[in-house]
Amino acid sequence: MKIDIDLKAGFLQSLKREVLATLSPEERAVIEVSTGEMGNKPDAVKLGWLKMRTKETWTKQRYLKALDRTMKKLREAVAEAEKKDS
């Protein structure tokens, strides 16, 4: 039995628009490809989608580094937004 988990619904929906607005177009593309339905696709499909979206060549290593960098940036932005709300 296969269970589809939509990470976009759980993760991105909880982020405020201001936080997502701080991301560059490349970072947004990396998040989009790593979540939701695309998150379940093979890496080759993800890399092809990124190439189509950004008009640049992507390797798995570049994708993983960009994803790690973007997730760290999002964590910091969320922590900063929570401090402001407190």
Protein backbone atom coordinates (compact mmCIF):
# COMPACT_ATOMS: atom_id res chain seq x y z
CA MET A 1 0.00 0.00 0.00
CA LYS A 2 1.41 3.36 -1.07
CA ILE A 3 0.67 6.43 1.01
CA ASP A 4 1.04 9.82 -0.63
CA ILE A 5 2.13 12.55 1.71
CA ASP A 6 1.76 16.09 0.50
CA LEU A 7 4.56 17.90 2.28
CA LYS A 8 3.60 21.16 0.62
CA ALA A 9 0.26 21.17 2.43
CA GLY A 10 1.90 20.56 5.79
CA PHE A 11 5.11 22.50 5.47
CA LEU A 12 4.58 25.40 3.12
CA GLN A 13 1.05 26.17 4.27
CA SER A 14 2.34 26.87 7.77
CA LEU A 15 4.85 29.44 6.51
CA LYS A 16 3.86 33.06 6.28
CA ARG A 17 3.91 34.78 2.90
CA GLU A 18 6.59 37.17 4.11
CA VAL A 19 8.93 34.25 4.79
CA LEU A 20 8.33 32.70 1.36
CA ALA A 21 8.77 36.10 -0.27
CA THR A 22 12.37 36.22 0.98
CA LEU A 23 13.28 33.26 -1.24
CA SER A 24 14.88 33.77 -4.63
CA PRO A 25 13.18 32.26 -7.71
CA GLU A 26 15.77 29.45 -7.70
CA GLU A 27 15.11 28.69 -4.03
CA ARG A 28 11.36 28.65 -4.64
CA ALA A 29 11.85 26.20 -7.50
CA VAL A 30 13.96 23.93 -5.28
CA ILE A 31 11.29 23.93 -2.58
CA GLU A 32 8.54 23.27 -5.12
CA VAL A 33 10.38 20.31 -6.63
CA SER A 34 11.16 18.80 -3.23
CA THR A 35 7.61 18.94 -1.88
CA GLY A 36 4.17 17.80 -2.91
CA GLU A 37 3.74 15.45 -5.85
CA MET A 38 7.20 16.27 -7.24
CA GLY A 39 8.78 15.12 -3.97
CA ASN A 40 7.77 11.55 -4.82
CA LYS A 41 9.32 11.60 -8.32
CA PRO A 42 12.74 10.16 -9.20
CA ASP A 43 15.70 12.54 -9.08
CA ALA A 44 16.02 12.59 -12.88
CA VAL A 45 12.48 13.98 -13.15
CA LYS A 46 13.19 16.60 -10.50
CA LEU A 47 16.39 17.70 -12.24
CA GLY A 48 14.59 17.93 -15.58
CA TRP A 49 11.83 20.00 -14.02
CA LEU A 50 14.40 22.33 -12.42
CA LYS A 51 16.16 22.74 -15.78
CA MET A 52 12.85 23.58 -17.45
CA ARG A 53 11.89 26.00 -14.67
CA THR A 54 15.22 27.82 -14.24
CA LYS A 55 16.74 27.39 -17.73
CA GLU A 56 19.95 26.11 -16.10
CA THR A 57 21.59 22.70 -15.92
CA TRP A 58 21.14 20.93 -12.60
CA THR A 59 23.06 18.03 -11.07
CA LYS A 60 21.93 15.98 -8.12
CA GLN A 61 24.74 17.49 -6.04
CA ARG A 62 23.71 21.05 -6.92
CA TYR A 63 20.07 20.24 -6.15
CA LEU A 64 20.89 18.72 -2.74
CA LYS A 65 23.16 21.62 -1.78
CA ALA A 66 20.55 24.17 -2.86
CA LEU A 67 17.85 22.30 -0.93
CA ASP A 68 19.99 22.19 2.22
CA ARG A 69 20.85 25.89 1.93
CA THR A 70 17.20 26.82 1.32
CA MET A 71 15.93 24.75 4.26
CA LYS A 72 18.46 26.40 6.57
CA LYS A 73 17.37 29.82 5.32
CA LEU A 74 13.72 28.94 5.92
CA ARG A 75 14.45 27.66 9.44
CA GLU A 76 16.23 30.90 10.30
CA ALA A 77 13.43 33.01 8.80
CA VAL A 78 10.75 31.07 10.70
CA ALA A 79 12.70 31.40 13.96
CA GLU A 80 13.08 35.13 13.37
CA ALA A 81 9.36 35.51 12.60
CA GLU A 82 8.47 33.60 15.77
CA LYS A 83 10.69 35.91 17.84
CA LYS A 84 8.87 38.93 16.43
CA ASP A 85 5.48 37.39 17.24
CA SER A 86 6.45 36.68 20.85
